[in-house]
Amino acid sequence: MATVTRENIGLLTDKITVNVAKGDYLPSFEKALKNYGKQANIPGFRKGMVPSGLIKKMYGSSVFTDEVLKTVEKELTTYMTNEKLEIFAQPLPLPENDARQIDMAKPDDYAFAFEVGLKPAFSLADLGTASLTRHKVEVTPAMIDEEVERQRTRNGKMTEPETVAGDENALNLQFTETDADGQPIEGGISKDNSLLVKYFNEATRPKWIGLKKDDSLVLQLSTALDEKEREWVLNDLGLPKEDPAAAEKYFRVTITKVGLVEKADLNEEFFKAAAPGKDIKTEEEYRNSVRDEIQAHWDSQSFNQLQHTLYHVLLDNTKIEFPEAFLKRWMQTGGEKPKSQAEVEEEFPSFVNQLKWTLIVDKVVRENNIEVGPDDIREFAKQQLFGYMGMQAGAEEQPWIADYVNRMMQDRKFVEDTVHRIQTDKVFGWAATQIHPTEKVISREEFQHMQEEHQHHHH
């Protein structure tokens, strides 16, 4: 009868030895040979009528080894299940194992040893004592005005005046590369583009006023556009923004069409288009709605920032020990392809951080009964679709929306990725209930500067 023994050989590392006797594997070996005999196609014999001696001679040795190893694996799995062992990865066979000892001619008792890395017990960082700040972006009247004007333009009507009259004119332009005198360069760049007059710098804008279709200007990119807009145009023209010489090029820029958006009036028709489903009747109600949407956007950005901070608080202040020697050996030999010791040492810090975060999430999920159900996944798929299509959340249900959601529910990768994402969001939602942050009101510009600083720090 098989026996299994276990001994500690290092930090969170145990050695499990499986001993199998002849009676544990011989019955399955004889059964496997009979199955081979029923299936074997050997010239000169009818299927299923091959003599057992010949089957044993041809296949016996490999089948014997397979059955011994299968028995060992089964006993190991049963033991770990019964003992409720929580391990990392899978057991690693120890170098002392030698399958060559298995000999069909002399069936014997066999011992195989495995190394396992045990998951540690640990306590989560105390979030209640963490010193945290939740930033509240102040929504100003100017921000509301900016968004109202953007929506009036978006919902306005495009007209085609004869001449350019101001900064808000939209110009369809043809860029043709020239020399400084405006003479076309053979083989030079020729590209169409669309720009608002206000995208040119202050010195260049007046030059467009009064021009009409087919009129042109010879411009040098470096002197006609400020940095941000110049990068857009360089990119559109297929030129590298990093190359100083690219910005020094000259182009004859010809108007092919003059456009102007007549902004929508602030009436019920506009309110219905800009804020569907809200039954807004007055400008004051609309401005309040815009304020709420802007506030919700920046509150969401602030919570994302807080989530990132919470991630580091949990990761940096939760103390977890790992069976490092085992994990490094597993990284070397247990993956899809072997790694060198140098590769393992380089990758190990980020590998352990990922492992640590996984353990933290698992513990929060388990201890707080966090679940992700089919309804959560369906709602996520629907909101994702609304985002792609630019639809308002809570838009009227259409049959094609239900069809899309049902199709995504059959996509295994989508479901797995979505479960992971929703679960992570719920973990952060739980973490947010454990903290006592100080609220600080700041301007949009201050908050954006903080975001840029953070991105710069992480690049």
Protein backbone atom coordinates (compact mmCIF):
# COMPACT_ATOMS: atom_id res chain seq x y z
CA MET A 1 0.00 0.00 0.00
CA ALA A 2 1.31 3.47 -0.91
CA THR A 3 2.59 5.74 1.86
CA VAL A 4 3.37 9.44 1.79
CA THR A 5 5.72 11.27 4.15
CA ARG A 6 6.42 14.98 4.52
CA GLU A 7 9.29 16.91 6.09
CA ASN A 8 10.28 20.56 6.25
CA ILE A 9 13.49 21.36 4.35
CA GLY A 10 13.48 25.19 4.36
CA LEU A 11 11.42 28.34 4.83
CA LEU A 12 7.89 27.44 3.66
CA THR A 13 9.43 24.56 1.74
CA ASP A 14 8.57 20.88 2.33
CA LYS A 15 9.75 17.61 0.86
CA ILE A 16 6.99 15.09 0.09
CA THR A 17 8.07 11.50 -0.55
CA VAL A 18 5.66 9.06 -2.21
CA ASN A 19 6.37 5.33 -1.69
CA VAL A 20 4.46 2.94 -3.96
CA ALA A 21 4.38 -0.84 -3.57
CA LYS A 22 3.93 -3.41 -6.34
CA GLY A 23 0.29 -3.86 -5.45
CA ASP A 24 -0.36 -0.15 -6.09
CA TYR A 25 0.57 -0.13 -9.77
CA LEU A 26 0.62 -3.73 -11.10
CA PRO A 27 -3.21 -4.03 -11.53
CA SER A 28 -3.34 -0.84 -13.61
CA PHE A 29 -0.28 -1.98 -15.61
CA GLU A 30 -1.99 -5.30 -16.53
CA LYS A 31 -5.18 -3.44 -17.45
CA ALA A 32 -3.26 -0.95 -19.62
CA LEU A 33 -1.52 -3.81 -21.47
CA LYS A 34 -4.87 -5.48 -22.21
CA ASN A 35 -6.17 -2.21 -23.63
CA TYR A 36 -3.10 -1.99 -25.87
CA GLY A 37 -3.80 -5.53 -27.03
CA LYS A 38 -7.37 -4.61 -28.01
CA GLN A 39 -6.28 -1.56 -29.99
CA ALA A 40 -2.94 -2.67 -31.53
CA ASN A 41 -2.66 -2.94 -35.33
CA ILE A 42 0.24 -5.29 -36.05
CA PRO A 43 0.77 -6.82 -39.52
CA GLY A 44 -0.07 -10.55 -39.55
CA PHE A 45 -2.57 -10.34 -36.70
CA ARG A 46 -6.22 -9.40 -36.63
CA LYS A 47 -7.06 -6.39 -34.47
CA GLY A 48 -7.52 -7.53 -30.87
CA MET A 49 -5.92 -10.92 -31.49
CA VAL A 50 -2.25 -10.01 -30.91
CA PRO A 51 -0.65 -12.40 -28.34
CA SER A 52 -0.21 -10.77 -24.93
CA GLY A 53 3.47 -11.83 -24.84
CA LEU A 54 4.17 -9.85 -28.02
CA ILE A 55 2.30 -6.80 -26.69
CA LYS A 56 4.33 -6.96 -23.50
CA LYS A 57 7.57 -7.29 -25.42
CA MET A 58 6.75 -4.34 -27.70
CA TYR A 59 5.10 -1.92 -25.29
CA GLY A 60 5.54 -3.33 -21.79
CA SER A 61 8.55 -1.31 -20.63
CA SER A 62 7.13 2.12 -21.50
CA VAL A 63 3.62 1.23 -20.24
CA PHE A 64 5.12 -0.09 -16.99
CA THR A 65 7.04 3.17 -16.40
CA ASP A 66 3.96 5.27 -17.25
CA GLU A 67 1.76 3.37 -14.80
CA VAL A 68 4.28 3.63 -11.96
CA LEU A 69 4.61 7.39 -12.49
CA LYS A 70 0.82 7.83 -12.86
CA THR A 71 0.34 6.01 -9.55
CA VAL A 72 2.93 8.24 -7.87
CA GLU A 73 1.23 11.38 -9.24
CA LYS A 74 -2.21 10.18 -8.13
CA GLU A 75 -0.98 9.46 -4.58
CA LEU A 76 0.74 12.86 -4.40
CA THR A 77 -2.39 14.70 -5.56
CA THR A 78 -4.63 12.76 -3.16
CA TYR A 79 -2.30 13.53 -0.24
CA MET A 80 -2.15 17.26 -0.97
CA THR A 81 -5.94 17.41 -1.36
CA ASN A 82 -6.57 15.55 1.92
CA GLU A 83 -4.02 17.68 3.78
CA LYS A 84 -5.48 20.86 2.21
CA LEU A 85 -2.00 22.02 1.28
CA GLU A 86 -1.93 25.49 -0.27
CA ILE A 87 1.10 25.55 -2.52
CA PHE A 88 2.69 27.79 -5.15
CA ALA A 89 2.83 26.53 -8.72
CA GLN A 90 3.24 22.75 -8.79
CA PRO A 91 5.50 20.27 -6.96
CA LEU A 92 9.04 20.04 -8.36
CA PRO A 93 10.57 16.55 -8.69
CA LEU A 94 13.82 16.37 -6.73
CA PRO A 95 17.11 15.44 -8.47
CA GLU A 96 17.32 12.21 -6.42
CA ASN A 97 14.43 10.75 -8.45
CA ASP A 98 15.58 8.41 -11.21
CA ALA A 99 13.01 6.89 -13.54
CA ARG A 100 15.70 4.49 -14.75
CA GLN A 101 15.28 2.52 -11.52
CA ILE A 102 11.86 1.37 -12.80
CA ASP A 103 12.32 -2.10 -14.31
CA MET A 104 9.42 -4.16 -15.65
CA ALA A 105 11.50 -7.35 -15.29
CA LYS A 106 11.89 -6.77 -11.55
CA PRO A 107 8.79 -4.99 -10.17
CA ASP A 108 9.66 -3.37 -6.85
CA ASP A 109 8.66 -0.73 -4.33
CA TYR A 110 9.58 2.74 -5.57
CA ALA A 111 10.06 6.11 -3.85
CA PHE A 112 9.81 9.50 -5.53
CA ALA A 113 10.40 12.82 -3.75
CA PHE A 114 8.99 16.27 -4.53
CA GLU A 115 9.63 19.78 -3.28
CA VAL A 116 6.66 22.08 -2.63
CA GLY A 117 6.52 25.81 -1.84
CA LEU A 118 3.85 26.57 0.76
CA LYS A 119 1.68 29.67 0.73
CA PRO A 120 2.29 31.73 3.88
CA ALA A 121 -0.18 32.92 6.51
CA PHE A 122 -0.11 36.71 6.83
CA SER A 123 -2.04 39.76 8.05
CA LEU A 124 -3.07 42.63 5.80
CA ALA A 125 -1.65 46.11 6.35
CA ASP A 126 -3.82 48.21 8.67
CA LEU A 127 -5.48 50.60 6.21
CA GLY A 128 -7.23 52.47 9.01
CA THR A 129 -3.95 53.99 10.20
CA ALA A 130 -2.69 55.01 6.74
CA SER A 131 -2.21 58.75 6.20
CA LEU A 132 -4.05 59.39 2.91
CA THR A 133 -5.44 62.38 1.00
CA ARG A 134 -8.51 62.34 -1.24
CA HIS A 135 -8.30 65.26 -3.66
CA LYS A 136 -11.50 67.07 -4.62
CA VAL A 137 -11.25 69.08 -7.83
CA GLU A 138 -13.20 72.31 -7.57
CA VAL A 139 -15.58 72.79 -10.51
CA THR A 140 -15.50 76.49 -11.46
CA PRO A 141 -17.98 78.52 -13.54
CA ALA A 142 -15.24 78.81 -16.21
CA MET A 143 -15.05 74.99 -16.48
CA ILE A 144 -18.83 74.83 -16.89
CA ASP A 145 -18.73 77.60 -19.53
CA GLU A 146 -16.00 75.70 -21.40
CA GLU A 147 -18.03 72.49 -21.51
CA VAL A 148 -21.28 74.26 -22.44
CA GLU A 149 -19.51 75.95 -25.39
CA ARG A 150 -17.97 72.63 -26.44
CA GLN A 151 -21.40 70.98 -26.46
CA ARG A 152 -22.92 73.94 -28.35
CA THR A 153 -20.22 73.53 -31.00
CA ARG A 154 -20.60 69.75 -31.09
CA ASN A 155 -24.36 70.05 -31.59
CA GLY A 156 -24.12 73.05 -33.91
CA LYS A 157 -24.59 73.31 -37.68
CA MET A 158 -21.67 73.48 -40.13
CA THR A 159 -21.91 76.35 -42.61
CA GLU A 160 -19.62 77.35 -45.50
CA PRO A 161 -18.98 81.11 -45.46
CA GLU A 162 -17.12 82.63 -48.38
CA THR A 163 -14.25 84.14 -46.38
CA VAL A 164 -12.31 83.45 -43.19
CA ALA A 165 -13.66 85.74 -40.48
CA GLY A 166 -12.15 84.60 -37.17
CA ASP A 167 -10.46 82.06 -34.93
CA GLU A 168 -13.41 79.64 -34.97
CA ASN A 169 -13.34 79.08 -38.74
CA ALA A 170 -12.54 75.48 -39.71
CA LEU A 171 -10.21 75.28 -42.73
CA ASN A 172 -9.77 72.34 -45.09
CA LEU A 173 -6.16 72.78 -46.17
CA GLN A 174 -3.71 71.27 -48.64
CA PHE A 175 -0.08 71.26 -47.44
CA THR A 176 2.51 71.25 -50.28
CA GLU A 177 6.19 71.27 -49.33
CA THR A 178 8.13 74.23 -50.80
CA ASP A 179 11.36 76.15 -50.41
CA ALA A 180 11.48 79.43 -48.46
CA ASP A 181 10.27 81.30 -51.56
CA GLY A 182 7.18 79.11 -51.92
CA GLN A 183 8.45 77.10 -54.89
CA PRO A 184 7.30 73.42 -54.78
CA ILE A 185 10.02 70.88 -53.95
CA GLU A 186 10.14 67.92 -56.33
CA GLY A 187 9.13 64.77 -54.47
CA GLY A 188 8.16 66.84 -51.43
CA ILE A 189 5.28 66.14 -49.03
CA SER A 190 1.71 66.82 -50.18
CA LYS A 191 -1.08 66.22 -47.68
CA ASP A 192 -4.61 67.39 -46.87
CA ASN A 193 -5.54 68.40 -43.34
CA SER A 194 -8.25 70.25 -41.39
CA LEU A 195 -7.47 72.85 -38.74
CA LEU A 196 -9.25 75.60 -36.87
CA VAL A 197 -7.72 79.04 -37.36
CA LYS A 198 -7.13 79.23 -33.56
CA TYR A 199 -4.71 76.27 -33.81
CA PHE A 200 -2.18 78.60 -35.49
CA ASN A 201 -0.15 80.90 -33.21
CA GLU A 202 -1.15 84.48 -32.47
CA ALA A 203 1.22 85.96 -35.08
CA THR A 204 -0.16 83.75 -37.89
CA ARG A 205 -3.93 83.88 -37.24
CA PRO A 206 -4.49 87.41 -38.65
CA LYS A 207 -2.95 86.32 -41.97
CA TRP A 208 -5.91 83.99 -42.59
CA ILE A 209 -8.58 86.67 -42.04
CA GLY A 210 -10.28 87.68 -45.31
CA LEU A 211 -8.88 84.75 -47.33
CA LYS A 212 -11.21 82.44 -49.23
CA LYS A 213 -11.20 79.12 -51.10
CA ASP A 214 -8.06 78.60 -53.27
CA ASP A 215 -6.10 81.35 -51.46
CA SER A 216 -2.83 80.24 -49.84
CA LEU A 217 -0.03 81.17 -47.46
CA VAL A 218 3.60 80.01 -47.41
CA LEU A 219 4.31 79.00 -43.81
CA GLN A 220 7.24 77.59 -41.86
CA LEU A 221 5.95 75.11 -39.28
CA SER A 222 8.29 76.32 -36.53
CA THR A 223 7.07 79.92 -36.79
CA ALA A 224 3.37 79.31 -37.62
CA LEU A 225 2.43 76.87 -34.85
CA ASP A 226 3.07 76.61 -31.13
CA GLU A 227 4.64 73.40 -29.79
CA LYS A 228 1.55 71.26 -29.05
CA GLU A 229 -0.25 72.05 -32.30
CA ARG A 230 3.02 71.75 -34.25
CA GLU A 231 3.44 68.19 -32.96
CA TRP A 232 -0.07 67.31 -34.21
CA VAL A 233 0.66 68.70 -37.68
CA LEU A 234 4.12 67.06 -37.90
CA ASN A 235 2.51 63.75 -37.02
CA ASP A 236 -0.22 64.21 -39.65
CA LEU A 237 2.43 65.05 -42.26
CA GLY A 238 4.41 61.91 -41.35
CA LEU A 239 7.36 63.89 -39.97
CA PRO A 240 9.27 63.02 -36.75
CA LYS A 241 8.51 65.58 -34.05
CA GLU A 242 11.91 64.82 -32.43
CA ASP A 243 13.79 66.03 -35.54
CA PRO A 244 14.40 69.83 -35.31
CA ALA A 245 14.86 69.96 -39.09
CA ALA A 246 11.28 68.75 -39.65
CA ALA A 247 9.81 71.86 -38.01
CA GLU A 248 11.98 74.12 -40.20
CA LYS A 249 10.27 72.95 -43.41
CA TYR A 250 8.16 75.34 -45.49
CA PHE A 251 4.74 74.57 -46.95
CA ARG A 252 2.32 76.33 -49.25
CA VAL A 253 -0.95 75.92 -47.36
CA THR A 254 -3.96 76.29 -49.68
CA ILE A 255 -7.57 76.65 -48.51
CA THR A 256 -9.83 74.03 -50.15
CA LYS A 257 -12.90 74.86 -48.04
CA VAL A 258 -13.88 77.41 -45.40
CA GLY A 259 -16.20 76.15 -42.68
CA LEU A 260 -17.84 77.60 -39.59
CA VAL A 261 -19.91 75.89 -36.94
CA GLU A 262 -22.95 77.90 -35.95
CA LYS A 263 -23.27 77.04 -32.28
CA ALA A 264 -26.56 75.53 -31.12
CA ASP A 265 -28.93 77.78 -29.18
CA LEU A 266 -29.54 76.97 -25.51
CA ASN A 267 -33.08 75.68 -25.99
CA GLU A 268 -35.00 72.48 -25.20
CA GLU A 269 -34.01 70.91 -28.52
CA PHE A 270 -30.33 71.36 -27.60
CA PHE A 271 -30.85 70.13 -24.01
CA LYS A 272 -32.48 66.97 -25.35
CA ALA A 273 -29.57 66.31 -27.72
CA ALA A 274 -26.78 67.19 -25.28
CA ALA A 275 -28.31 65.55 -22.19
CA PRO A 276 -30.71 62.82 -23.38
CA GLY A 277 -33.12 61.34 -20.88
CA LYS A 278 -32.70 64.13 -18.31
CA ASP A 279 -35.80 66.19 -19.19
CA ILE A 280 -33.94 69.50 -18.84
CA LYS A 281 -36.03 72.62 -19.53
CA THR A 282 -33.85 75.60 -18.58
CA GLU A 283 -30.28 76.83 -19.02
CA GLU A 284 -29.78 76.75 -15.24
CA GLU A 285 -30.84 73.09 -15.07
CA TYR A 286 -28.48 72.29 -17.95
CA ARG A 287 -25.53 74.08 -16.33
CA ASN A 288 -26.20 72.20 -13.08
CA SER A 289 -26.21 68.93 -15.04
CA VAL A 290 -22.91 69.85 -16.70
CA ARG A 291 -21.41 70.74 -13.31
CA ASP A 292 -22.48 67.35 -11.90
CA GLU A 293 -20.94 65.51 -14.88
CA ILE A 294 -17.66 67.42 -14.59
CA GLN A 295 -17.58 66.76 -10.84
CA ALA A 296 -18.28 63.05 -11.39
CA HIS A 297 -15.41 62.88 -13.93
CA TRP A 298 -12.88 64.45 -11.59
CA ASP A 299 -14.16 62.46 -8.59
CA SER A 300 -13.53 59.32 -10.65
CA GLN A 301 -10.01 60.52 -11.54
CA SER A 302 -9.39 61.27 -7.86
CA PHE A 303 -10.57 57.80 -6.83
CA ASN A 304 -8.27 56.24 -9.45
CA GLN A 305 -5.39 58.14 -7.89
CA LEU A 306 -6.46 56.98 -4.42
CA GLN A 307 -6.66 53.39 -5.70
CA HIS A 308 -3.07 53.61 -6.87
CA THR A 309 -2.03 54.86 -3.44
CA LEU A 310 -4.00 52.07 -1.74
CA TYR A 311 -2.27 49.52 -3.97
CA HIS A 312 1.12 50.69 -2.71
CA VAL A 313 -0.03 50.90 0.92
CA LEU A 314 -1.22 47.28 0.79
CA LEU A 315 1.79 46.05 -1.17
CA ASP A 316 4.47 47.91 0.78
CA ASN A 317 3.03 47.44 4.30
CA THR A 318 1.72 43.86 4.15
CA LYS A 319 4.53 41.64 5.37
CA ILE A 320 4.63 38.27 3.56
CA GLU A 321 7.41 35.69 3.61
CA PHE A 322 8.05 33.59 0.50
CA PRO A 323 9.86 30.30 -0.20
CA GLU A 324 12.33 32.20 -2.36
CA ALA A 325 14.70 29.34 -3.13
CA PHE A 326 11.80 27.14 -4.29
CA LEU A 327 10.25 29.92 -6.38
CA LYS A 328 13.56 30.65 -8.10
CA ARG A 329 14.02 26.96 -8.93
CA TRP A 330 10.45 26.86 -10.23
CA MET A 331 11.10 29.95 -12.41
CA GLN A 332 14.19 28.24 -13.82
CA THR A 333 12.57 24.92 -14.68
CA GLY A 334 8.79 25.12 -14.31
CA GLY A 335 7.85 27.57 -17.06
CA GLU A 336 7.30 27.08 -20.77
CA LYS A 337 11.03 27.39 -21.41
CA PRO A 338 13.99 27.15 -19.01
CA LYS A 339 15.54 30.38 -17.70
CA SER A 340 19.13 31.08 -16.73
CA GLN A 341 20.01 31.96 -13.15
CA ALA A 342 20.76 35.52 -14.27
CA GLU A 343 17.33 35.87 -15.91
CA VAL A 344 15.64 34.58 -12.76
CA GLU A 345 17.52 37.04 -10.52
CA GLU A 346 16.56 39.94 -12.80
CA GLU A 347 12.87 38.98 -13.02
CA PHE A 348 12.39 37.81 -9.42
CA PRO A 349 11.56 41.16 -7.71
CA SER A 350 8.66 41.97 -10.07
CA PHE A 351 7.56 38.31 -10.04
CA VAL A 352 7.33 38.31 -6.23
CA ASN A 353 5.46 41.65 -6.23
CA GLN A 354 2.86 40.18 -8.61
CA LEU A 355 2.63 37.07 -6.43
CA LYS A 356 2.27 39.20 -3.30
CA TRP A 357 -0.55 41.27 -4.83
CA THR A 358 -2.34 38.08 -5.93
CA LEU A 359 -2.20 36.73 -2.36
CA ILE A 360 -3.49 40.04 -0.96
CA VAL A 361 -6.42 40.11 -3.42
CA ASP A 362 -7.25 36.45 -2.72
CA LYS A 363 -7.28 37.11 1.04
CA VAL A 364 -9.55 40.18 0.74
CA VAL A 365 -11.91 38.31 -1.60
CA ARG A 366 -12.08 35.26 0.66
CA GLU A 367 -12.47 37.10 3.97
CA ASN A 368 -15.08 39.56 2.67
CA ASN A 369 -17.10 37.14 0.52
CA ILE A 370 -16.50 39.23 -2.61
CA GLU A 371 -18.21 37.63 -5.58
CA VAL A 372 -18.50 38.42 -9.28
CA GLY A 373 -21.73 37.08 -10.79
CA PRO A 374 -23.08 36.81 -14.36
CA ASP A 375 -25.10 40.01 -13.87
CA ASP A 376 -21.89 41.91 -13.01
CA ILE A 377 -20.25 40.66 -16.21
CA ARG A 378 -23.32 41.49 -18.34
CA GLU A 379 -23.50 45.02 -16.95
CA PHE A 380 -19.78 45.54 -17.59
CA ALA A 381 -20.14 44.35 -21.21
CA LYS A 382 -23.08 46.71 -21.72
CA GLN A 383 -21.31 49.74 -20.24
CA GLN A 384 -18.20 48.95 -22.29
CA LEU A 385 -20.34 48.91 -25.45
CA PHE A 386 -21.96 52.23 -24.50
CA GLY A 387 -18.46 53.67 -24.10
CA TYR A 388 -17.33 52.40 -27.52
CA MET A 389 -20.46 53.72 -29.24
CA GLY A 390 -20.59 57.05 -27.39
CA MET A 391 -24.03 56.11 -26.03
CA GLN A 392 -25.41 57.39 -22.76
CA ALA A 393 -25.41 54.91 -19.89
CA GLY A 394 -28.95 53.70 -19.38
CA ALA A 395 -29.79 54.18 -23.06
CA GLU A 396 -32.89 52.42 -24.28
CA GLU A 397 -32.42 48.66 -24.56
CA GLN A 398 -32.16 47.46 -28.14
CA PRO A 399 -32.21 43.80 -29.27
CA TRP A 400 -28.75 44.19 -30.81
CA ILE A 401 -27.36 45.32 -27.43
CA ALA A 402 -28.66 42.13 -25.78
CA ASP A 403 -27.20 40.10 -28.68
CA TYR A 404 -23.79 41.75 -28.18
CA VAL A 405 -23.84 41.07 -24.43
CA ASN A 406 -24.86 37.42 -24.95
CA ARG A 407 -22.08 36.97 -27.49
CA MET A 408 -19.49 38.40 -25.09
CA MET A 409 -20.74 36.07 -22.35
CA GLN A 410 -19.65 33.15 -24.57
CA ASP A 411 -16.14 34.59 -24.98
CA ARG A 412 -14.10 32.80 -22.35
CA LYS A 413 -11.16 35.26 -22.40
CA PHE A 414 -13.50 38.26 -22.11
CA VAL A 415 -15.29 36.65 -19.16
CA GLU A 416 -12.02 35.77 -17.38
CA ASP A 417 -10.53 39.24 -17.93
CA THR A 418 -13.78 40.91 -16.83
CA VAL A 419 -14.06 38.80 -13.66
CA HIS A 420 -10.48 39.78 -12.77
CA ARG A 421 -11.18 43.46 -13.46
CA ILE A 422 -14.47 43.60 -11.52
CA GLN A 423 -12.96 41.62 -8.65
CA THR A 424 -10.05 44.08 -8.45
CA ASP A 425 -12.48 47.03 -8.48
CA LYS A 426 -14.47 45.43 -5.65
CA VAL A 427 -11.28 44.86 -3.66
CA PHE A 428 -10.43 48.56 -3.98
CA GLY A 429 -14.04 49.40 -3.12
CA TRP A 430 -13.63 47.40 0.09
CA ALA A 431 -10.27 49.04 0.81
CA ALA A 432 -11.85 52.50 0.41
CA THR A 433 -14.24 51.66 3.28
CA GLN A 434 -11.32 50.92 5.60
CA ILE A 435 -9.50 54.25 5.29
CA HIS A 436 -9.97 57.72 6.79
CA PRO A 437 -8.54 60.08 4.18
CA THR A 438 -8.22 63.83 4.57
CA GLU A 439 -10.14 65.67 1.83
CA LYS A 440 -8.29 68.46 0.07
CA VAL A 441 -9.93 70.81 -2.45
CA ILE A 442 -7.62 71.69 -5.36
CA SER A 443 -7.88 73.19 -8.83
CA ARG A 444 -8.10 71.17 -12.04
CA GLU A 445 -4.66 72.45 -13.07
CA GLU A 446 -3.09 71.37 -9.76
CA PHE A 447 -4.61 67.91 -10.09
CA GLN A 448 -3.46 67.55 -13.71
CA HIS A 449 0.05 68.61 -12.67
CA MET A 450 0.02 65.88 -9.99
CA GLN A 451 -1.02 63.31 -12.60
CA GLU A 452 1.77 64.41 -14.97
CA GLU A 453 4.32 64.26 -12.15
CA HIS A 454 3.17 60.75 -11.27
CA GLN A 455 3.40 59.56 -14.89
CA HIS A 456 6.86 61.12 -15.24
CA HIS A 457 7.99 59.40 -12.04
CA HIS A 458 6.85 56.00 -13.37
CA HIS A 459 8.57 56.41 -16.73
